[in-house]
Amino acid sequence: MMTLQQFAKKLGVCYKTAWRYWDRGELNALQTPTGRIIVECNKEGDVREGFKNKGERIEKENNGDKNVL
């Protein structure tokens, strides 16, 4: 598990972009009572595990599909 800030940094996007993913319900994440957003990922920190669609977004982005975001 990692914070949304850590997730954004590892993914290579700004915090606001990661927050939008979370706000749209695209992340396997939960919000603590204090407001911190925790993204679930595997022990190696594979950010693809943070997405509900298991990395499909990253694969589309790498293939040049600009309509994903």
N, C-alpha and C. Protein backbone atom coordinates (compact mmCIF):
# COMPACT_ATOMS: atom_id res chain seq x y z
N MET A 1 0.84 -1.18 0.00
CA MET A 1 0.00 0.00 0.00
C MET A 1 0.88 1.24 0.00
N MET A 2 0.38 2.30 -0.60
CA MET A 2 1.11 3.56 -0.62
C MET A 2 0.11 4.71 -0.67
N THR A 3 0.58 5.88 -0.29
CA THR A 3 -0.29 7.04 -0.33
C THR A 3 -0.52 7.45 -1.79
N LEU A 4 -1.52 8.26 -1.99
CA LEU A 4 -1.82 8.73 -3.34
C LEU A 4 -0.65 9.54 -3.88
N GLN A 5 0.02 10.30 -3.03
CA GLN A 5 1.18 11.08 -3.45
C GLN A 5 2.30 10.15 -3.94
N GLN A 6 2.57 9.10 -3.20
CA GLN A 6 3.60 8.13 -3.60
C GLN A 6 3.21 7.43 -4.90
N PHE A 7 1.92 7.08 -5.01
CA PHE A 7 1.41 6.43 -6.22
C PHE A 7 1.62 7.33 -7.44
N ALA A 8 1.28 8.61 -7.30
CA ALA A 8 1.43 9.56 -8.41
C ALA A 8 2.90 9.67 -8.83
N LYS A 9 3.78 9.77 -7.86
CA LYS A 9 5.20 9.90 -8.15
C LYS A 9 5.71 8.66 -8.87
N LYS A 10 5.33 7.49 -8.41
CA LYS A 10 5.78 6.23 -9.01
C LYS A 10 5.21 6.08 -10.42
N LEU A 11 3.98 6.55 -10.62
CA LEU A 11 3.33 6.46 -11.92
C LEU A 11 3.87 7.51 -12.88
N GLY A 12 4.45 8.58 -12.34
CA GLY A 12 5.00 9.64 -13.18
C GLY A 12 3.97 10.67 -13.60
N VAL A 13 2.95 10.86 -12.77
CA VAL A 13 1.93 11.88 -13.03
C VAL A 13 1.85 12.82 -11.84
N CYS A 14 1.23 13.96 -12.02
CA CYS A 14 1.09 14.88 -10.90
C CYS A 14 0.01 14.36 -9.93
N TYR A 15 0.05 14.87 -8.72
CA TYR A 15 -0.89 14.44 -7.69
C TYR A 15 -2.33 14.64 -8.14
N LYS A 16 -2.61 15.77 -8.79
CA LYS A 16 -3.98 16.09 -9.20
C LYS A 16 -4.52 15.04 -10.19
N THR A 17 -3.67 14.56 -11.08
CA THR A 17 -4.08 13.52 -12.03
C THR A 17 -4.43 12.24 -11.29
N ALA A 18 -3.58 11.85 -10.34
CA ALA A 18 -3.85 10.66 -9.53
C ALA A 18 -5.14 10.85 -8.73
N TRP A 19 -5.36 12.04 -8.23
CA TRP A 19 -6.57 12.32 -7.47
C TRP A 19 -7.80 12.18 -8.37
N ARG A 20 -7.69 12.62 -9.61
CA ARG A 20 -8.81 12.46 -10.55
C ARG A 20 -9.11 10.99 -10.79
N TYR A 21 -8.06 10.15 -10.93
CA TYR A 21 -8.27 8.71 -11.07
C TYR A 21 -9.07 8.19 -9.88
N TRP A 22 -8.66 8.60 -8.68
CA TRP A 22 -9.36 8.16 -7.47
C TRP A 22 -10.79 8.68 -7.43
N ASP A 23 -10.99 9.94 -7.77
CA ASP A 23 -12.31 10.56 -7.73
C ASP A 23 -13.27 9.88 -8.70
N ARG A 24 -12.76 9.40 -9.83
CA ARG A 24 -13.59 8.71 -10.82
C ARG A 24 -13.80 7.24 -10.47
N GLY A 25 -13.18 6.78 -9.39
CA GLY A 25 -13.36 5.41 -8.96
C GLY A 25 -12.51 4.41 -9.73
N GLU A 26 -11.41 4.87 -10.32
CA GLU A 26 -10.58 4.00 -11.14
C GLU A 26 -9.46 3.31 -10.36
N LEU A 27 -9.31 3.65 -9.09
CA LEU A 27 -8.22 3.08 -8.29
C LEU A 27 -8.75 2.14 -7.22
N ASN A 28 -7.94 1.14 -6.90
CA ASN A 28 -8.20 0.30 -5.74
C ASN A 28 -7.63 1.06 -4.55
N ALA A 29 -8.43 1.93 -4.00
CA ALA A 29 -7.94 2.81 -2.93
C ALA A 29 -9.05 3.05 -1.91
N LEU A 30 -8.62 3.46 -0.74
CA LEU A 30 -9.57 3.81 0.31
C LEU A 30 -9.11 5.11 0.97
N GLN A 31 -10.04 5.77 1.59
CA GLN A 31 -9.73 7.01 2.28
C GLN A 31 -9.86 6.79 3.78
N THR A 32 -8.81 7.17 4.49
CA THR A 32 -8.81 7.00 5.94
C THR A 32 -9.72 8.05 6.57
N PRO A 33 -10.09 7.87 7.84
CA PRO A 33 -10.92 8.87 8.52
C PRO A 33 -10.27 10.26 8.57
N THR A 34 -8.93 10.30 8.47
CA THR A 34 -8.25 11.60 8.48
C THR A 34 -8.15 12.21 7.09
N GLY A 35 -8.61 11.50 6.06
CA GLY A 35 -8.64 12.04 4.71
C GLY A 35 -7.54 11.54 3.80
N ARG A 36 -6.57 10.82 4.32
CA ARG A 36 -5.48 10.31 3.49
C ARG A 36 -6.00 9.21 2.58
N ILE A 37 -5.58 9.23 1.32
CA ILE A 37 -5.98 8.23 0.35
C ILE A 37 -4.86 7.20 0.23
N ILE A 38 -5.21 5.94 0.44
CA ILE A 38 -4.25 4.84 0.39
C ILE A 38 -4.58 3.97 -0.82
N VAL A 39 -3.59 3.78 -1.69
CA VAL A 39 -3.76 2.96 -2.89
C VAL A 39 -3.18 1.59 -2.61
N GLU A 40 -3.94 0.56 -2.94
CA GLU A 40 -3.48 -0.81 -2.73
C GLU A 40 -2.66 -1.25 -3.94
N CYS A 41 -1.50 -1.85 -3.67
CA CYS A 41 -0.65 -2.40 -4.71
C CYS A 41 0.07 -3.60 -4.13
N ASN A 42 0.80 -4.31 -4.98
CA ASN A 42 1.50 -5.49 -4.46
C ASN A 42 2.75 -5.08 -3.70
N LYS A 43 3.42 -6.03 -3.10
CA LYS A 43 4.58 -5.74 -2.25
C LYS A 43 5.72 -5.10 -3.02
N GLU A 44 5.83 -5.36 -4.33
CA GLU A 44 6.89 -4.77 -5.13
C GLU A 44 6.58 -3.34 -5.53
N GLY A 45 5.38 -2.87 -5.20
CA GLY A 45 4.99 -1.51 -5.53
C GLY A 45 4.59 -1.33 -6.98
N ASP A 46 4.08 -2.40 -7.60
CA ASP A 46 3.63 -2.34 -8.99
C ASP A 46 2.40 -1.45 -9.07
N VAL A 47 2.52 -0.28 -9.69
CA VAL A 47 1.41 0.67 -9.72
C VAL A 47 0.23 0.18 -10.54
N ARG A 48 0.46 -0.78 -11.44
CA ARG A 48 -0.67 -1.31 -12.22
C ARG A 48 -1.71 -1.95 -11.32
N GLU A 49 -1.26 -2.49 -10.20
CA GLU A 49 -2.19 -3.12 -9.26
C GLU A 49 -3.11 -2.08 -8.60
N GLY A 50 -2.73 -0.81 -8.65
CA GLY A 50 -3.55 0.23 -8.05
C GLY A 50 -4.81 0.53 -8.85
N PHE A 51 -4.79 0.21 -10.14
CA PHE A 51 -5.96 0.46 -10.98
C PHE A 51 -6.92 -0.71 -10.91
N LYS A 52 -8.19 -0.41 -10.94
CA LYS A 52 -9.21 -1.46 -10.89
C LYS A 52 -9.17 -2.32 -12.14
N ASN A 53 -8.75 -1.76 -13.28
CA ASN A 53 -8.71 -2.53 -14.52
C ASN A 53 -7.34 -3.18 -14.73
N LYS A 54 -6.55 -3.30 -13.67
CA LYS A 54 -5.29 -4.05 -13.64
C LYS A 54 -4.29 -3.61 -14.71
N GLY A 55 -4.12 -2.31 -14.87
CA GLY A 55 -3.06 -1.81 -15.75
C GLY A 55 -3.48 -1.58 -17.18
N GLU A 56 -4.73 -1.77 -17.52
CA GLU A 56 -5.18 -1.55 -18.89
C GLU A 56 -4.91 -0.10 -19.30
N ARG A 57 -5.10 0.84 -18.39
CA ARG A 57 -4.87 2.25 -18.69
C ARG A 57 -3.41 2.49 -19.07
N ILE A 58 -2.49 1.91 -18.33
CA ILE A 58 -1.07 2.13 -18.60
C ILE A 58 -0.71 1.54 -19.96
N GLU A 59 -1.22 0.37 -20.29
CA GLU A 59 -0.94 -0.24 -21.58
C GLU A 59 -1.48 0.63 -22.71
N LYS A 60 -2.67 1.18 -22.57
CA LYS A 60 -3.23 2.06 -23.60
C LYS A 60 -2.39 3.31 -23.75
N GLU A 61 -1.95 3.89 -22.62
CA GLU A 61 -1.13 5.09 -22.69
C GLU A 61 0.19 4.80 -23.40
N ASN A 62 0.78 3.65 -23.14
CA ASN A 62 2.03 3.29 -23.77
C ASN A 62 1.87 3.01 -25.26
N ASN A 63 0.67 2.67 -25.68
CA ASN A 63 0.40 2.42 -27.09
C ASN A 63 0.01 3.69 -27.83
N GLY A 64 0.03 4.82 -27.15
CA GLY A 64 -0.23 6.09 -27.80
C GLY A 64 -1.69 6.49 -27.86
N ASP A 65 -2.57 5.83 -27.14
CA ASP A 65 -3.98 6.17 -27.14
C ASP A 65 -4.18 7.39 -26.24
N LYS A 66 -4.31 8.56 -26.84
CA LYS A 66 -4.42 9.80 -26.07
C LYS A 66 -5.81 10.05 -25.52
N ASN A 67 -6.80 9.27 -25.92
CA ASN A 67 -8.17 9.47 -25.47
C ASN A 67 -8.47 8.79 -24.14
N VAL A 68 -7.47 8.18 -23.52
CA VAL A 68 -7.68 7.44 -22.28
C VAL A 68 -7.97 8.38 -21.14
N LEU A 69 -7.24 9.48 -21.07
CA LEU A 69 -7.43 10.40 -19.96
C LEU A 69 -8.64 11.20 -20.24
